[in-house]
Amino acid sequence: MNADLVKAASAVISNQQILVNMVSRRVRQLCLGHRPLVQVPLGTGAADIALSEIIAQKLIFESTFGRTATQAPIVSFPGMISGKEKAA
């Protein structure tokens, strides 16, 4: 991993834990065959590609801090038993 890319990405995402999680998740995606969102030289490692994408602001995150469960919709999947059906 290129130290200059880490420093530049840290300027975009100041929280180190979020940065590590973003790079980790994106590296996993790239290893599964997802295409890079930026042009990089051939042979560039997946972590450097992820950092380059963050620097170019092609990757974003959405903080869920402070949200309550009531703000998120509850999705029922077919075949699942709801609480009311269990009691019956």
C-alpha atoms as a PDB file:
ATOM      1  CA  MET A   1       0.000   0.000   0.000  1.00  0.00           C
ATOM      2  CA  ASN A   2       1.389   3.364  -1.044  1.00  0.00           C
ATOM      3  CA  ALA A   3       1.932   5.693   1.945  1.00  0.00           C
ATOM      4  CA  ASP A   4       1.277   8.789  -0.184  1.00  0.00           C
ATOM      5  CA  LEU A   5      -2.121   7.410  -1.205  1.00  0.00           C
ATOM      6  CA  VAL A   6      -2.979   6.648   2.430  1.00  0.00           C
ATOM      7  CA  LYS A   7      -2.094  10.214   3.434  1.00  0.00           C
ATOM      8  CA  ALA A   8      -4.167  11.711   0.588  1.00  0.00           C
ATOM      9  CA  ALA A   9      -7.133   9.425   1.360  1.00  0.00           C
ATOM     10  CA  SER A  10      -6.887  10.419   5.039  1.00  0.00           C
ATOM     11  CA  ALA A  11      -7.422  14.013   3.971  1.00  0.00           C
ATOM     12  CA  VAL A  12     -10.711  12.973   2.312  1.00  0.00           C
ATOM     13  CA  ILE A  13     -11.899  10.566   5.046  1.00  0.00           C
ATOM     14  CA  SER A  14     -10.546  11.846   8.354  1.00  0.00           C
ATOM     15  CA  ASN A  15     -11.859   8.977  10.503  1.00  0.00           C
ATOM     16  CA  GLN A  16      -9.254   6.204  10.261  1.00  0.00           C
ATOM     17  CA  GLN A  17     -11.705   3.436  11.199  1.00  0.00           C
ATOM     18  CA  ILE A  18     -14.080   4.425   8.410  1.00  0.00           C
ATOM     19  CA  LEU A  19     -11.194   4.670   5.954  1.00  0.00           C
ATOM     20  CA  VAL A  20      -9.947   1.190   6.849  1.00  0.00           C
ATOM     21  CA  ASN A  21     -13.445  -0.262   6.525  1.00  0.00           C
ATOM     22  CA  MET A  22     -14.012   1.440   3.164  1.00  0.00           C
ATOM     23  CA  VAL A  23     -10.694   0.208   1.765  1.00  0.00           C
ATOM     24  CA  SER A  24     -11.270  -3.287   3.117  1.00  0.00           C
ATOM     25  CA  ARG A  25     -14.746  -3.579   1.621  1.00  0.00           C
ATOM     26  CA  ARG A  26     -13.641  -2.153  -1.732  1.00  0.00           C
ATOM     27  CA  VAL A  27     -10.598  -4.481  -1.896  1.00  0.00           C
ATOM     28  CA  ARG A  28     -12.954  -7.402  -1.349  1.00  0.00           C
ATOM     29  CA  GLN A  29     -15.154  -6.169  -4.223  1.00  0.00           C
ATOM     30  CA  LEU A  30     -12.186  -5.682  -6.535  1.00  0.00           C
ATOM     31  CA  CYS A  31     -10.882  -9.179  -5.751  1.00  0.00           C
ATOM     32  CA  LEU A  32     -14.301 -10.556  -6.675  1.00  0.00           C
ATOM     33  CA  GLY A  33     -13.996  -8.977 -10.124  1.00  0.00           C
ATOM     34  CA  HIS A  34     -15.572  -5.543  -9.805  1.00  0.00           C
ATOM     35  CA  ARG A  35     -14.042  -2.969 -12.112  1.00  0.00           C
ATOM     36  CA  PRO A  36     -12.076   0.018 -10.817  1.00  0.00           C
ATOM     37  CA  LEU A  37     -13.897   3.356 -10.837  1.00  0.00           C
ATOM     38  CA  VAL A  38     -10.695   5.213 -11.763  1.00  0.00           C
ATOM     39  CA  GLN A  39      -8.013   4.578 -14.353  1.00  0.00           C
ATOM     40  CA  VAL A  40      -4.881   3.118 -12.822  1.00  0.00           C
ATOM     41  CA  PRO A  41      -1.676   1.696 -14.283  1.00  0.00           C
ATOM     42  CA  LEU A  42      -1.640  -2.024 -15.006  1.00  0.00           C
ATOM     43  CA  GLY A  43      -0.449  -4.028 -12.023  1.00  0.00           C
ATOM     44  CA  THR A  44      -1.702  -1.611  -9.360  1.00  0.00           C
ATOM     45  CA  GLY A  45      -2.747  -3.418  -6.191  1.00  0.00           C
ATOM     46  CA  ALA A  46      -6.365  -3.567  -5.065  1.00  0.00           C
ATOM     47  CA  ALA A  47      -5.685  -1.467  -1.937  1.00  0.00           C
ATOM     48  CA  ASP A  48      -4.045   1.270  -4.010  1.00  0.00           C
ATOM     49  CA  ILE A  49      -6.988   1.227  -6.417  1.00  0.00           C
ATOM     50  CA  ALA A  50      -9.406   1.583  -3.492  1.00  0.00           C
ATOM     51  CA  LEU A  51      -7.399   4.470  -2.055  1.00  0.00           C
ATOM     52  CA  SER A  52      -7.285   6.156  -5.491  1.00  0.00           C
ATOM     53  CA  GLU A  53     -11.065   5.838  -5.744  1.00  0.00           C
ATOM     54  CA  ILE A  54     -11.477   7.462  -2.339  1.00  0.00           C
ATOM     55  CA  ILE A  55      -9.110  10.288  -3.276  1.00  0.00           C
ATOM     56  CA  ALA A  56     -11.072  10.862  -6.502  1.00  0.00           C
ATOM     57  CA  GLN A  57     -14.247  10.854  -4.371  1.00  0.00           C
ATOM     58  CA  LYS A  58     -15.738   7.993  -6.369  1.00  0.00           C
ATOM     59  CA  LEU A  59     -16.498   6.150  -3.117  1.00  0.00           C
ATOM     60  CA  ILE A  60     -18.644   7.696  -0.424  1.00  0.00           C
ATOM     61  CA  PHE A  61     -20.084   6.554   2.878  1.00  0.00           C
ATOM     62  CA  GLU A  62     -23.253   7.386   4.711  1.00  0.00           C
ATOM     63  CA  SER A  63     -23.107   7.658   8.464  1.00  0.00           C
ATOM     64  CA  THR A  64     -25.918   5.975  10.371  1.00  0.00           C
ATOM     65  CA  PHE A  65     -24.794   7.470  13.687  1.00  0.00           C
ATOM     66  CA  GLY A  66     -27.715   8.806  15.666  1.00  0.00           C
ATOM     67  CA  ARG A  67     -30.425   7.082  13.650  1.00  0.00           C
ATOM     68  CA  THR A  68     -33.002   4.982  15.413  1.00  0.00           C
ATOM     69  CA  ALA A  69     -34.473   1.735  14.232  1.00  0.00           C
ATOM     70  CA  THR A  70     -37.842   3.419  13.729  1.00  0.00           C
ATOM     71  CA  GLN A  71     -36.407   5.524  10.901  1.00  0.00           C
ATOM     72  CA  ALA A  72     -35.417   2.467   8.885  1.00  0.00           C
ATOM     73  CA  PRO A  73     -38.168   0.612   7.010  1.00  0.00           C
ATOM     74  CA  ILE A  74     -38.815  -2.986   8.034  1.00  0.00           C
ATOM     75  CA  VAL A  75     -38.969  -5.271   5.029  1.00  0.00           C
ATOM     76  CA  SER A  76     -40.916  -8.524   5.293  1.00  0.00           C
ATOM     77  CA  PHE A  77     -39.631 -11.369   3.192  1.00  0.00           C
ATOM     78  CA  PRO A  78     -41.948 -14.061   1.796  1.00  0.00           C
ATOM     79  CA  GLY A  79     -42.209 -17.057   4.094  1.00  0.00           C
ATOM     80  CA  MET A  80     -41.169 -15.196   7.242  1.00  0.00           C
ATOM     81  CA  ILE A  81     -43.399 -15.443  10.304  1.00  0.00           C
ATOM     82  CA  SER A  82     -44.300 -12.138  11.893  1.00  0.00           C
ATOM     83  CA  GLY A  83     -44.818 -11.711  15.630  1.00  0.00           C
ATOM     84  CA  LYS A  84     -48.619 -11.704  15.295  1.00  0.00           C
ATOM     85  CA  GLU A  85     -48.672 -14.959  13.335  1.00  0.00           C
ATOM     86  CA  LYS A  86     -46.439 -16.719  15.887  1.00  0.00           C
ATOM     87  CA  ALA A  87     -48.876 -16.020  18.724  1.00  0.00           C
ATOM     88  CA  ALA A  88     -51.839 -17.384  16.778  1.00  0.00           C
END
